[in-house]
Amino acid sequence: MSDERILAAVDEGRLVSLAVDLVSIPSPTGDEQAMGERVREELEGMGLQVQWQQVEDGRPNVVGLWEGAGGGPSLMFNGHMDTSYSGHEPWLAGIPGFQPEGFVRDGRIYGLGISNMKGALACYVEAVRALQDAGVRLRGDVLVAAVSGEIEKTQWHPDFVGREYRGYAAGSRFLTSHGAVADMCLLGEPTEQKVVLGHYGALWARISTKGPFVHTAFFDGRMEENSIVRMQDVLAAVREWIPDWEERTAYGGHRGIVGIGAINGGFAWRASRTPHRTDLFLDVRVPPSLPMARARAEVGDLVRSLRERFPEHGIEWEVYVTAPGSEIDESHPLVAAIDEGHAVIFGSRPERDTVRWFSDASTLTRYGIESVNYGTSSGLPDPVLGENLDVDGLVRVAQVYALVAARVCGVAA
């Protein structure tokens, strides 16, 4: 079977129509039901065997199996259905590319989730359709997995609980423990058509200070006991620690990184009381070369040093996210297949990259499913128009995916 026949079967109009359709279905984390139903409809219409996994109420995984003739490796295309935002956020009001209403303008698709990562889901479907239309029969199985709950968010008790906070690979953890496994997986996260050989994981930690809960009128001369004021000391010390962590956790040509993600203390509705506790929340990025337990221990060492330095501050801590990173050897057959397919479409081998964002490769690799992130552009969201993708780039990536499936799974005679 020639590459040309497969490439010619990729239908731009069909791909764009599906991508716009998917973008126009609201699916913030925790509310992926309607999106799952639309994906199920599409996969069943292609003749795939569809498995509906009920992760929890209103939250499915949808897995389509295109069974091969046998004798070849299996390949999973995996993509999350949830979007980073809902579109209702006040700071996104009036930005069309951050709304669940897809449209095409000047050769680009706009809409919430088009790059992260509904465009990739549409590409998976089109790649399989193109292979079917070209009359290709693969030896190995192809799985198209649309999952819930990948976006980097999590529950934190007591203020943020419920399904809308269950992200960080919640769907893919359920996916792999309920039968959907393959030899390898391609994730179409937006990578600017680069092959991501590794990405960092994340550890989220809370560090707290304490202070007396007292009416302002009776707190004269006690400012240094205020938990918010005490947090100033802790925050300054954490900032002293961050450069050392970032240097020691360099990986793949990048320094490590720590985000100061949130701070919370006191009661806006009762500012006449000093806060009994102030919380600092950190996003500590952890390279795949560092065991998560070791990373947690090092954060614990930091906290103990803070307690010694500020014994009156009542410092407490907890770790509430541990999401490991992922890496794959450059010699892996999936990487070689992407190299070949990309070269056919773009004329040269794709660049390599290591990134500090998270993907479901974290979970998949723990099940022995070697995984690579390779997808179209991030869209570099326009501050006026929002999330968007180039149509031509989307078509080309779908073509690469079709060629990758043919090379990985093998074509039956």
Foldseek 3Di string as FASTA:
>chain_A
DDLVQLLVLQDLVQLVVQLQVLLLDFAAFLQCQVSQVVLQVLLVVVVFDWDWAPLDVNFTKIKTKDAAQADFFEEEEEAESHFPDRCPDPLNPQFALCYSGWDDDPQKIGGTCVQNPSLSLSLVSSLVSSCVVSVFGFHHMYMYMYGGAAHPFAADPPPRDDRSRRHNLSGVLSCLVPPDATLAYEYAHADQQAKEQKEWWKWKKKKKFFADWDFQVPCPPPVCRQRVNVVVVVVVLVVVVFVVQQQVQDDPNGTWGKDFDDKDFDDPVCPRIRTGMIMTMMIGIHTLVDDQVVVVVVVVVSQVVVCVVPVSGRMDMDIDDTQGMAGDDCPDVLNVLLQVLCCVLPVGGHHYDYYHDHGSNSVNVVSNHHYIHGHHHQQPADSNNGGMDRSVRSSSRSSSSSSSCCRRRDTDD
